[in-house]
PDB file of N, CA and C in Angstrom:
ATOM      1  N   GLN A   1       4.927  15.459   0.513  1.00  0.00           N
ATOM      2  CA  GLN A   1       5.406  14.406   1.349  1.00  0.00           C
ATOM      3  C   GLN A   1       6.320  13.504   0.573  1.00  0.00           C
ATOM      4  N   LYS A   2       7.480  13.320   1.130  1.00  0.00           N
ATOM      5  CA  LYS A   2       8.456  12.431   0.462  1.00  0.00           C
ATOM      6  C   LYS A   2       8.302  10.997   1.019  1.00  0.00           C
ATOM      7  N   LEU A   3       8.125  10.020   0.135  1.00  0.00           N
ATOM      8  CA  LEU A   3       7.938   8.677   0.543  1.00  0.00           C
ATOM      9  C   LEU A   3       9.218   7.815   0.332  1.00  0.00           C
ATOM     10  N   GLU A   4       9.404   6.867   1.198  1.00  0.00           N
ATOM     11  CA  GLU A   4      10.501   5.904   1.009  1.00  0.00           C
ATOM     12  C   GLU A   4      10.196   5.063  -0.206  1.00  0.00           C
ATOM     13  N   LYS A   5      11.209   4.460  -0.766  1.00  0.00           N
ATOM     14  CA  LYS A   5      11.043   3.641  -2.042  1.00  0.00           C
ATOM     15  C   LYS A   5       9.995   2.533  -1.811  1.00  0.00           C
ATOM     16  N   PRO A   6      10.055   1.750  -0.762  1.00  0.00           N
ATOM     17  CA  PRO A   6       9.091   0.687  -0.583  1.00  0.00           C
ATOM     18  C   PRO A   6       7.642   1.132  -0.545  1.00  0.00           C
ATOM     19  N   GLU A   7       7.390   2.229   0.147  1.00  0.00           N
ATOM     20  CA  GLU A   7       6.106   2.803   0.275  1.00  0.00           C
ATOM     21  C   GLU A   7       5.582   3.413  -1.034  1.00  0.00           C
ATOM     22  N   LEU A   8       6.518   4.033  -1.728  1.00  0.00           N
ATOM     23  CA  LEU A   8       6.155   4.620  -3.054  1.00  0.00           C
ATOM     24  C   LEU A   8       5.769   3.509  -3.997  1.00  0.00           C
ATOM     25  N   ALA A   9       6.599   2.397  -4.072  1.00  0.00           N
ATOM     26  CA  ALA A   9       6.333   1.268  -4.889  1.00  0.00           C
ATOM     27  C   ALA A   9       4.915   0.695  -4.572  1.00  0.00           C
ATOM     28  N   LYS A  10       4.673   0.527  -3.327  1.00  0.00           N
ATOM     29  CA  LYS A  10       3.318   0.005  -2.898  1.00  0.00           C
ATOM     30  C   LYS A  10       2.181   0.845  -3.411  1.00  0.00           C
ATOM     31  N   ARG A  11       2.359   2.206  -3.306  1.00  0.00           N
ATOM     32  CA  ARG A  11       1.273   3.030  -3.780  1.00  0.00           C
ATOM     33  C   ARG A  11       1.128   3.080  -5.262  1.00  0.00           C
ATOM     34  N   VAL A  12       2.258   3.026  -5.942  1.00  0.00           N
ATOM     35  CA  VAL A  12       2.133   2.955  -7.415  1.00  0.00           C
ATOM     36  C   VAL A  12       1.516   1.683  -7.901  1.00  0.00           C
ATOM     37  N   LYS A  13       1.896   0.577  -7.261  1.00  0.00           N
ATOM     38  CA  LYS A  13       1.219  -0.703  -7.595  1.00  0.00           C
ATOM     39  C   LYS A  13      -0.281  -0.619  -7.381  1.00  0.00           C
ATOM     40  N   LEU A  14      -0.693  -0.041  -6.261  1.00  0.00           N
ATOM     41  CA  LEU A  14      -2.127   0.120  -5.979  1.00  0.00           C
ATOM     42  C   LEU A  14      -2.757   0.981  -7.036  1.00  0.00           C
ATOM     43  N   MET A  15      -2.086   2.047  -7.458  1.00  0.00           N
ATOM     44  CA  MET A  15      -2.638   2.933  -8.538  1.00  0.00           C
ATOM     45  C   MET A  15      -2.828   2.075  -9.833  1.00  0.00           C
ATOM     46  N   TYR A  16      -1.850   1.278 -10.118  1.00  0.00           N
ATOM     47  CA  TYR A  16      -2.008   0.438 -11.325  1.00  0.00           C
ATOM     48  C   TYR A  16      -3.161  -0.568 -11.202  1.00  0.00           C
ATOM     49  N   GLN A  17      -3.329  -1.139 -10.035  1.00  0.00           N
ATOM     50  CA  GLN A  17      -4.415  -2.057  -9.871  1.00  0.00           C
ATOM     51  C   GLN A  17      -5.809  -1.293 -10.009  1.00  0.00           C
ATOM     52  N   GLN A  18      -5.913  -0.110  -9.575  1.00  0.00           N
ATOM     53  CA  GLN A  18      -7.106   0.691  -9.769  1.00  0.00           C
ATOM     54  C   GLN A  18      -7.295   1.068 -11.180  1.00  0.00           C
ATOM     55  N   ALA A  19      -6.157   1.420 -11.898  1.00  0.00           N
ATOM     56  CA  ALA A  19      -6.239   1.762 -13.309  1.00  0.00           C
ATOM     57  C   ALA A  19      -6.748   0.557 -14.188  1.00  0.00           C
ATOM     58  N   ILE A  20      -6.296  -0.628 -13.764  1.00  0.00           N
ATOM     59  CA  ILE A  20      -6.657  -1.786 -14.534  1.00  0.00           C
ATOM     60  C   ILE A  20      -8.203  -1.998 -14.406  1.00  0.00           C
ATOM     61  N   LEU A  21      -8.763  -1.641 -13.252  1.00  0.00           N
ATOM     62  CA  LEU A  21     -10.203  -1.782 -13.125  1.00  0.00           C
ATOM     63  C   LEU A  21     -10.950  -0.924 -14.122  1.00  0.00           C
ATOM     64  N   CYS A  22     -10.366   0.204 -14.346  1.00  0.00           N
ATOM     65  CA  CYS A  22     -11.060   1.100 -15.288  1.00  0.00           C
ATOM     66  C   CYS A  22     -10.682   0.925 -16.763  1.00  0.00           C
ATOM     67  N   LEU A  23      -9.483   0.423 -16.978  1.00  0.00           N
ATOM     68  CA  LEU A  23      -8.944   0.215 -18.291  1.00  0.00           C
ATOM     69  C   LEU A  23      -8.729  -1.201 -18.593  1.00  0.00           C
ATOM     70  N   TYR A  24      -9.605  -2.063 -18.181  1.00  0.00           N
ATOM     71  CA  TYR A  24      -9.436  -3.533 -18.180  1.00  0.00           C
ATOM     72  C   TYR A  24      -9.169  -4.060 -19.547  1.00  0.00           C
ATOM     73  N   TYR A  25      -9.750  -3.457 -20.644  1.00  0.00           N
ATOM     74  CA  TYR A  25      -9.670  -3.966 -21.963  1.00  0.00           C
ATOM     75  C   TYR A  25      -8.592  -3.174 -22.749  1.00  0.00           C
ATOM     76  N   ASN A  26      -7.739  -2.466 -22.084  1.00  0.00           N
ATOM     77  CA  ASN A  26      -6.613  -1.763 -22.747  1.00  0.00           C
ATOM     78  C   ASN A  26      -5.364  -2.505 -22.443  1.00  0.00           C
ATOM     79  N   PRO A  27      -4.706  -3.107 -23.493  1.00  0.00           N
ATOM     80  CA  PRO A  27      -3.514  -3.936 -23.232  1.00  0.00           C
ATOM     81  C   PRO A  27      -2.312  -3.061 -22.623  1.00  0.00           C
ATOM     82  N   GLU A  28      -2.298  -1.797 -22.976  1.00  0.00           N
ATOM     83  CA  GLU A  28      -1.205  -0.948 -22.541  1.00  0.00           C
ATOM     84  C   GLU A  28      -1.129  -0.925 -20.977  1.00  0.00           C
ATOM     85  N   ILE A  29      -2.246  -0.801 -20.356  1.00  0.00           N
ATOM     86  CA  ILE A  29      -2.247  -0.662 -18.818  1.00  0.00           C
ATOM     87  C   ILE A  29      -1.696  -1.948 -18.191  1.00  0.00           C
ATOM     88  N   TRP A  30      -1.977  -3.091 -18.789  1.00  0.00           N
ATOM     89  CA  TRP A  30      -1.453  -4.317 -18.329  1.00  0.00           C
ATOM     90  C   TRP A  30       0.032  -4.406 -18.434  1.00  0.00           C
ATOM     91  N   ILE A  31       0.500  -3.986 -19.620  1.00  0.00           N
ATOM     92  CA  ILE A  31       1.945  -3.950 -19.907  1.00  0.00           C
ATOM     93  C   ILE A  31       2.698  -3.059 -18.987  1.00  0.00           C
ATOM     94  N   GLN A  32       2.201  -1.837 -18.817  1.00  0.00           N
ATOM     95  CA  GLN A  32       2.778  -0.858 -17.926  1.00  0.00           C
ATOM     96  C   GLN A  32       2.881  -1.330 -16.459  1.00  0.00           C
ATOM     97  N   ALA A  33       1.742  -1.917 -16.063  1.00  0.00           N
ATOM     98  CA  ALA A  33       1.672  -2.377 -14.693  1.00  0.00           C
ATOM     99  C   ALA A  33       2.694  -3.536 -14.412  1.00  0.00           C
ATOM    100  N   ALA A  34       2.778  -4.460 -15.356  1.00  0.00           N
ATOM    101  CA  ALA A  34       3.681  -5.595 -15.208  1.00  0.00           C
ATOM    102  C   ALA A  34       5.208  -5.039 -15.296  1.00  0.00           C
ATOM    103  N   GLN A  35       5.485  -4.178 -16.165  1.00  0.00           N
ATOM    104  CA  GLN A  35       6.789  -3.655 -16.318  1.00  0.00           C
ATOM    105  C   GLN A  35       7.223  -2.822 -15.075  1.00  0.00           C
ATOM    106  N   TYR A  36       6.306  -2.126 -14.502  1.00  0.00           N
ATOM    107  CA  TYR A  36       6.574  -1.411 -13.267  1.00  0.00           C
ATOM    108  C   TYR A  36       6.902  -2.352 -12.135  1.00  0.00           C
ATOM    109  N   SER A  37       6.044  -3.371 -12.019  1.00  0.00           N
ATOM    110  CA  SER A  37       6.203  -4.329 -10.973  1.00  0.00           C
ATOM    111  C   SER A  37       7.595  -5.061 -11.056  1.00  0.00           C
ATOM    112  N   ALA A  38       7.972  -5.347 -12.311  1.00  0.00           N
ATOM    113  CA  ALA A  38       9.261  -5.955 -12.468  1.00  0.00           C
ATOM    114  C   ALA A  38      10.448  -5.007 -12.178  1.00  0.00           C
ATOM    115  N   SER A  39      10.165  -3.723 -12.338  1.00  0.00           N
ATOM    116  CA  SER A  39      11.273  -2.769 -12.127  1.00  0.00           C
ATOM    117  C   SER A  39      11.561  -2.526 -10.668  1.00  0.00           C
ATOM    118  N   VAL A  40      10.539  -2.741  -9.797  1.00  0.00           N
ATOM    119  CA  VAL A  40      10.688  -2.497  -8.370  1.00  0.00           C
ATOM    120  C   VAL A  40      10.876  -3.775  -7.458  1.00  0.00           C
ATOM    121  N   ASP A  41      10.624  -4.931  -8.075  1.00  0.00           N
ATOM    122  CA  ASP A  41      10.815  -6.189  -7.355  1.00  0.00           C
ATOM    123  C   ASP A  41      11.866  -6.986  -8.030  1.00  0.00           C
ATOM    124  N   ALA A  42      12.734  -7.656  -7.138  1.00  0.00           N
ATOM    125  CA  ALA A  42      13.753  -8.503  -7.669  1.00  0.00           C
ATOM    126  C   ALA A  42      13.066  -9.752  -8.276  1.00  0.00           C
ATOM    127  N   LYS A  43      11.956 -10.260  -7.685  1.00  0.00           N
ATOM    128  CA  LYS A  43      11.302 -11.437  -8.128  1.00  0.00           C
ATOM    129  C   LYS A  43      10.327 -10.930  -9.281  1.00  0.00           C
ATOM    130  N   LEU A  44      10.191 -11.845 -10.261  1.00  0.00           N
ATOM    131  CA  LEU A  44       9.319 -11.551 -11.363  1.00  0.00           C
ATOM    132  C   LEU A  44       7.934 -12.083 -11.228  1.00  0.00           C
ATOM    133  N   ASP A  45       7.645 -12.749 -10.125  1.00  0.00           N
ATOM    134  CA  ASP A  45       6.369 -13.332  -9.874  1.00  0.00           C
ATOM    135  C   ASP A  45       5.202 -12.448 -10.130  1.00  0.00           C
ATOM    136  N   ASP A  46       5.178 -11.272  -9.498  1.00  0.00           N
ATOM    137  CA  ASP A  46       4.108 -10.393  -9.650  1.00  0.00           C
ATOM    138  C   ASP A  46       3.880  -9.889 -11.070  1.00  0.00           C
ATOM    139  N   ALA A  47       4.966  -9.566 -11.719  1.00  0.00           N
ATOM    140  CA  ALA A  47       4.906  -9.134 -13.124  1.00  0.00           C
ATOM    141  C   ALA A  47       4.275 -10.243 -13.969  1.00  0.00           C
ATOM    142  N   ILE A  48       4.753 -11.507 -13.743  1.00  0.00           N
ATOM    143  CA  ILE A  48       4.225 -12.550 -14.558  1.00  0.00           C
ATOM    144  C   ILE A  48       2.705 -12.757 -14.256  1.00  0.00           C
ATOM    145  N   LYS A  49       2.290 -12.653 -13.013  1.00  0.00           N
ATOM    146  CA  LYS A  49       0.915 -12.754 -12.662  1.00  0.00           C
ATOM    147  C   LYS A  49       0.032 -11.693 -13.400  1.00  0.00           C
ATOM    148  N   ILE A  50       0.602 -10.447 -13.400  1.00  0.00           N
ATOM    149  CA  ILE A  50      -0.097  -9.397 -14.084  1.00  0.00           C
ATOM    150  C   ILE A  50      -0.293  -9.683 -15.577  1.00  0.00           C
ATOM    151  N   PHE A  51       0.813 -10.132 -16.241  1.00  0.00           N
ATOM    152  CA  PHE A  51       0.736 -10.440 -17.604  1.00  0.00           C
ATOM    153  C   PHE A  51      -0.230 -11.598 -17.867  1.00  0.00           C
ATOM    154  N   GLU A  52      -0.168 -12.638 -17.015  1.00  0.00           N
ATOM    155  CA  GLU A  52      -1.118 -13.776 -17.166  1.00  0.00           C
ATOM    156  C   GLU A  52      -2.556 -13.349 -17.046  1.00  0.00           C
ATOM    157  N   ARG A  53      -2.835 -12.506 -16.040  1.00  0.00           N
ATOM    158  CA  ARG A  53      -4.245 -11.999 -15.880  1.00  0.00           C
ATOM    159  C   ARG A  53      -4.644 -11.206 -17.183  1.00  0.00           C
ATOM    160  N   GLY A  54      -3.741 -10.359 -17.653  1.00  0.00           N
ATOM    161  CA  GLY A  54      -3.967  -9.545 -18.846  1.00  0.00           C
ATOM    162  C   GLY A  54      -4.290 -10.438 -20.054  1.00  0.00           C
ATOM    163  N   CYS A  55      -3.435 -11.512 -20.206  1.00  0.00           N
ATOM    164  CA  CYS A  55      -3.666 -12.342 -21.334  1.00  0.00           C
ATOM    165  C   CYS A  55      -4.971 -13.154 -21.264  1.00  0.00           C
ATOM    166  N   LYS A  56      -5.377 -13.398 -20.070  1.00  0.00           N
ATOM    167  CA  LYS A  56      -6.716 -14.088 -19.901  1.00  0.00           C
ATOM    168  C   LYS A  56      -7.858 -13.074 -20.188  1.00  0.00           C
ATOM    169  N   ALA A  57      -7.632 -11.835 -19.802  1.00  0.00           N
ATOM    170  CA  ALA A  57      -8.657 -10.787 -20.042  1.00  0.00           C
ATOM    171  C   ALA A  57      -8.767 -10.417 -21.516  1.00  0.00           C
ATOM    172  N   LEU A  58      -7.604 -10.390 -22.165  1.00  0.00           N
ATOM    173  CA  LEU A  58      -7.506 -10.010 -23.603  1.00  0.00           C
ATOM    174  C   LEU A  58      -6.821 -11.104 -24.436  1.00  0.00           C
ATOM    175  N   PRO A  59      -7.459 -12.231 -24.633  1.00  0.00           N
ATOM    176  CA  PRO A  59      -6.843 -13.370 -25.333  1.00  0.00           C
ATOM    177  C   PRO A  59      -6.603 -12.998 -26.802  1.00  0.00           C
ATOM    178  N   SER A  60      -7.263 -12.018 -27.380  1.00  0.00           N
ATOM    179  CA  SER A  60      -7.068 -11.709 -28.752  1.00  0.00           C
ATOM    180  C   SER A  60      -6.127 -10.546 -29.004  1.00  0.00           C
ATOM    181  N   SER A  61      -5.388 -10.088 -27.967  1.00  0.00           N
ATOM    182  CA  SER A  61      -4.550  -8.946 -28.075  1.00  0.00           C
ATOM    183  C   SER A  61      -3.068  -9.389 -28.410  1.00  0.00           C
ATOM    184  N   PRO A  62      -2.706  -9.133 -29.733  1.00  0.00           N
ATOM    185  CA  PRO A  62      -1.330  -9.522 -30.002  1.00  0.00           C
ATOM    186  C   PRO A  62      -0.285  -8.611 -29.345  1.00  0.00           C
ATOM    187  N   VAL A  63      -0.653  -7.351 -29.124  1.00  0.00           N
ATOM    188  CA  VAL A  63       0.276  -6.461 -28.455  1.00  0.00           C
ATOM    189  C   VAL A  63       0.631  -6.969 -27.030  1.00  0.00           C
ATOM    190  N   LEU A  64      -0.376  -7.339 -26.274  1.00  0.00           N
ATOM    191  CA  LEU A  64      -0.101  -7.843 -24.909  1.00  0.00           C
ATOM    192  C   LEU A  64       0.712  -9.154 -24.907  1.00  0.00           C
ATOM    193  N   HIS A  65       0.315 -10.001 -25.772  1.00  0.00           N
ATOM    194  CA  HIS A  65       1.015 -11.320 -25.850  1.00  0.00           C
ATOM    195  C   HIS A  65       2.505 -11.120 -26.290  1.00  0.00           C
ATOM    196  N   LEU A  66       2.720 -10.286 -27.248  1.00  0.00           N
ATOM    197  CA  LEU A  66       4.152 -10.017 -27.688  1.00  0.00           C
ATOM    198  C   LEU A  66       4.935  -9.410 -26.600  1.00  0.00           C
ATOM    199  N   ALA A  67       4.323  -8.438 -25.894  1.00  0.00           N
ATOM    200  CA  ALA A  67       5.039  -7.720 -24.793  1.00  0.00           C
ATOM    201  C   ALA A  67       5.344  -8.781 -23.747  1.00  0.00           C
ATOM    202  N   TYR A  68       4.422  -9.630 -23.442  1.00  0.00           N
ATOM    203  CA  TYR A  68       4.660 -10.699 -22.397  1.00  0.00           C
ATOM    204  C   TYR A  68       5.800 -11.625 -22.816  1.00  0.00           C
ATOM    205  N   ALA A  69       5.722 -12.110 -24.069  1.00  0.00           N
ATOM    206  CA  ALA A  69       6.754 -13.007 -24.557  1.00  0.00           C
ATOM    207  C   ALA A  69       8.123 -12.300 -24.576  1.00  0.00           C
ATOM    208  N   ASP A  70       8.197 -11.083 -25.040  1.00  0.00           N
ATOM    209  CA  ASP A  70       9.414 -10.293 -24.965  1.00  0.00           C
ATOM    210  C   ASP A  70       9.929 -10.108 -23.537  1.00  0.00           C
ATOM    211  N   PHE A  71       9.096  -9.827 -22.642  1.00  0.00           N
ATOM    212  CA  PHE A  71       9.449  -9.730 -21.240  1.00  0.00           C
ATOM    213  C   PHE A  71      10.104 -11.035 -20.775  1.00  0.00           C
ATOM    214  N   LEU A  72       9.466 -12.180 -21.058  1.00  0.00           N
ATOM    215  CA  LEU A  72       9.999 -13.459 -20.657  1.00  0.00           C
ATOM    216  C   LEU A  72      11.347 -13.741 -21.248  1.00  0.00           C
ATOM    217  N   GLN A  73      11.490 -13.363 -22.541  1.00  0.00           N
ATOM    218  CA  GLN A  73      12.723 -13.649 -23.166  1.00  0.00           C
ATOM    219  C   GLN A  73      13.839 -12.768 -22.624  1.00  0.00           C
ATOM    220  N   GLU A  74      13.580 -11.506 -22.285  1.00  0.00           N
ATOM    221  CA  GLU A  74      14.530 -10.620 -21.680  1.00  0.00           C
ATOM    222  C   GLU A  74      15.013 -11.205 -20.354  1.00  0.00           C
ATOM    223  N   HIS A  75      14.183 -12.007 -19.660  1.00  0.00           N
ATOM    224  CA  HIS A  75      14.570 -12.560 -18.387  1.00  0.00           C
ATOM    225  C   HIS A  75      14.929 -14.050 -18.439  1.00  0.00           C
ATOM    226  N   GLU A  76      15.311 -14.443 -19.664  1.00  0.00           N
ATOM    227  CA  GLU A  76      15.821 -15.775 -19.892  1.00  0.00           C
ATOM    228  C   GLU A  76      14.796 -16.966 -19.621  1.00  0.00           C
ATOM    229  N   GLN A  77      13.584 -16.640 -19.846  1.00  0.00           N
ATOM    230  CA  GLN A  77      12.539 -17.620 -19.600  1.00  0.00           C
ATOM    231  C   GLN A  77      11.955 -17.988 -20.983  1.00  0.00           C
ATOM    232  N   HIS A  78      12.830 -18.630 -21.812  1.00  0.00           N
ATOM    233  CA  HIS A  78      12.515 -18.846 -23.157  1.00  0.00           C
ATOM    234  C   HIS A  78      11.369 -19.915 -23.341  1.00  0.00           C
ATOM    235  N   THR A  79      11.338 -20.892 -22.486  1.00  0.00           N
ATOM    236  CA  THR A  79      10.293 -21.947 -22.617  1.00  0.00           C
ATOM    237  C   THR A  79       8.905 -21.333 -22.349  1.00  0.00           C
ATOM    238  N   LYS A  80       8.822 -20.450 -21.331  1.00  0.00           N
ATOM    239  CA  LYS A  80       7.532 -19.801 -21.060  1.00  0.00           C
ATOM    240  C   LYS A  80       7.213 -18.825 -22.179  1.00  0.00           C
ATOM    241  N   ALA A  81       8.154 -18.202 -22.691  1.00  0.00           N
ATOM    242  CA  ALA A  81       7.853 -17.282 -23.873  1.00  0.00           C
ATOM    243  C   ALA A  81       7.300 -18.027 -25.027  1.00  0.00           C
ATOM    244  N   GLU A  82       7.906 -19.160 -25.356  1.00  0.00           N
ATOM    245  CA  GLU A  82       7.377 -19.978 -26.457  1.00  0.00           C
ATOM    246  C   GLU A  82       6.003 -20.449 -26.152  1.00  0.00           C
ATOM    247  N   ALA A  83       5.670 -20.757 -24.918  1.00  0.00           N
ATOM    248  CA  ALA A  83       4.296 -21.200 -24.607  1.00  0.00           C
ATOM    249  C   ALA A  83       3.315 -20.037 -24.793  1.00  0.00           C
ATOM    250  N   VAL A  84       3.749 -18.798 -24.449  1.00  0.00           N
ATOM    251  CA  VAL A  84       2.880 -17.623 -24.659  1.00  0.00           C
ATOM    252  C   VAL A  84       2.610 -17.486 -26.178  1.00  0.00           C
ATOM    253  N   TYR A  85       3.633 -17.563 -27.014  1.00  0.00           N
ATOM    254  CA  TYR A  85       3.421 -17.458 -28.395  1.00  0.00           C
ATOM    255  C   TYR A  85       2.470 -18.567 -28.905  1.00  0.00           C
ATOM    256  N   LYS A  86       2.721 -19.755 -28.530  1.00  0.00           N
ATOM    257  CA  LYS A  86       1.875 -20.912 -28.961  1.00  0.00           C
ATOM    258  C   LYS A  86       0.418 -20.731 -28.553  1.00  0.00           C
ATOM    259  N   ARG A  87       0.195 -20.329 -27.271  1.00  0.00           N
ATOM    260  CA  ARG A  87      -1.124 -20.099 -26.778  1.00  0.00           C
ATOM    261  C   ARG A  87      -1.856 -19.052 -27.580  1.00  0.00           C
ATOM    262  N   PHE A  88      -1.186 -18.001 -27.897  1.00  0.00           N
ATOM    263  CA  PHE A  88      -1.824 -16.951 -28.706  1.00  0.00           C
ATOM    264  C   PHE A  88      -2.063 -17.409 -30.140  1.00  0.00           C
ATOM    265  N   LEU A  89      -1.218 -18.092 -30.739  1.00  0.00           N
ATOM    266  CA  LEU A  89      -1.386 -18.602 -32.124  1.00  0.00           C
ATOM    267  C   LEU A  89      -2.541 -19.549 -32.105  1.00  0.00           C
ATOM    268  N   GLU A  90      -2.670 -20.474 -31.144  1.00  0.00           N
ATOM    269  CA  GLU A  90      -3.770 -21.342 -31.086  1.00  0.00           C
ATOM    270  C   GLU A  90      -5.141 -20.595 -30.986  1.00  0.00           C
ATOM    271  N   HIS A  91      -5.127 -19.595 -30.125  1.00  0.00           N
ATOM    272  CA  HIS A  91      -6.347 -18.805 -29.932  1.00  0.00           C
ATOM    273  C   HIS A  91      -6.638 -18.064 -31.279  1.00  0.00           C
ATOM    274  N   ALA A  92      -5.657 -17.451 -31.873  1.00  0.00           N
ATOM    275  CA  ALA A  92      -5.866 -16.682 -33.115  1.00  0.00           C
ATOM    276  C   ALA A  92      -6.385 -17.605 -34.234  1.00  0.00           C
ATOM    277  N   LYS A  93      -5.895 -18.850 -34.259  1.00  0.00           N
ATOM    278  CA  LYS A  93      -6.350 -19.744 -35.298  1.00  0.00           C
ATOM    279  C   LYS A  93      -7.839 -20.118 -35.044  1.00  0.00           C
ATOM    280  N   ALA A  94      -8.164 -20.371 -33.807  1.00  0.00           N
ATOM    281  CA  ALA A  94      -9.561 -20.711 -33.458  1.00  0.00           C
ATOM    282  C   ALA A  94     -10.535 -19.595 -33.775  1.00  0.00           C
ATOM    283  N   GLU A  95     -10.057 -18.345 -33.499  1.00  0.00           N
ATOM    284  CA  GLU A  95     -10.898 -17.169 -33.727  1.00  0.00           C
ATOM    285  C   GLU A  95     -10.771 -16.556 -35.120  1.00  0.00           C
ATOM    286  N   GLU A  96      -9.874 -17.206 -35.967  1.00  0.00           N
ATOM    287  CA  GLU A  96      -9.608 -16.692 -37.277  1.00  0.00           C
ATOM    288  C   GLU A  96      -9.124 -15.298 -37.268  1.00  0.00           C
ATOM    289  N   LEU A  97      -8.195 -14.977 -36.370  1.00  0.00           N
ATOM    290  CA  LEU A  97      -7.569 -13.726 -36.295  1.00  0.00           C
ATOM    291  C   LEU A  97      -6.323 -13.659 -37.126  1.00  0.00           C
ATOM    292  N   ASP A  98      -5.913 -12.346 -37.541  1.00  0.00           N
ATOM    293  CA  ASP A  98      -4.643 -12.230 -38.262  1.00  0.00           C
ATOM    294  C   ASP A  98      -3.513 -12.274 -37.297  1.00  0.00           C
ATOM    295  N   CYS A  99      -2.712 -13.288 -37.415  1.00  0.00           N
ATOM    296  CA  CYS A  99      -1.548 -13.428 -36.397  1.00  0.00           C
ATOM    297  C   CYS A  99      -0.208 -13.269 -37.033  1.00  0.00           C
ATOM    298  N   THR A 100      -0.175 -12.578 -38.117  1.00  0.00           N
ATOM    299  CA  THR A 100       1.071 -12.418 -38.898  1.00  0.00           C
ATOM    300  C   THR A 100       2.163 -11.823 -37.979  1.00  0.00           C
ATOM    301  N   LEU A 101       1.851 -10.800 -37.256  1.00  0.00           N
ATOM    302  CA  LEU A 101       2.850 -10.094 -36.374  1.00  0.00           C
ATOM    303  C   LEU A 101       3.448 -11.043 -35.380  1.00  0.00           C
ATOM    304  N   VAL A 102       2.596 -11.801 -34.704  1.00  0.00           N
ATOM    305  CA  VAL A 102       3.073 -12.729 -33.646  1.00  0.00           C
ATOM    306  C   VAL A 102       3.799 -13.872 -34.265  1.00  0.00           C
ATOM    307  N   LEU A 103       3.297 -14.379 -35.355  1.00  0.00           N
ATOM    308  CA  LEU A 103       3.966 -15.490 -36.030  1.00  0.00           C
ATOM    309  C   LEU A 103       5.380 -15.117 -36.465  1.00  0.00           C
ATOM    310  N   GLY A 104       5.553 -13.886 -36.990  1.00  0.00           N
ATOM    311  CA  GLY A 104       6.852 -13.359 -37.385  1.00  0.00           C
ATOM    312  C   GLY A 104       7.786 -13.281 -36.216  1.00  0.00           C
ATOM    313  N   ASN A 105       7.398 -12.831 -35.099  1.00  0.00           N
ATOM    314  CA  ASN A 105       8.241 -12.738 -33.932  1.00  0.00           C
ATOM    315  C   ASN A 105       8.509 -14.141 -33.367  1.00  0.00           C
ATOM    316  N   TYR A 106       7.565 -14.991 -33.425  1.00  0.00           N
ATOM    317  CA  TYR A 106       7.736 -16.387 -32.894  1.00  0.00           C
ATOM    318  C   TYR A 106       8.803 -17.114 -33.680  1.00  0.00           C
ATOM    319  N   LEU A 107       8.763 -16.951 -34.986  1.00  0.00           N
ATOM    320  CA  LEU A 107       9.800 -17.706 -35.810  1.00  0.00           C
ATOM    321  C   LEU A 107      11.106 -17.005 -35.663  1.00  0.00           C
TER     322      LEU A 107
END
């Protein structure tokens, strides 16, 4: 069965939502879901919501936070990207995590 682009995008988004339920603590699924959402929608709102949910679910994941900040910078949202870096660095400091990778990217 051949689907039109809007219907295909809707189904793939649903598949990502279901995958997130199973792979909730895997940062890669959050990144992939957000990037797919951004690739099919002109608005970035859904992608940003996915990244935000992922960062709340995985506050100690440098991979997810770096991907989110990079995504925001690619879309000229530098102030939001800086806030993502700062939020992660504050969390890392409170949890005594190694944040060298994120700090290097932030600077």
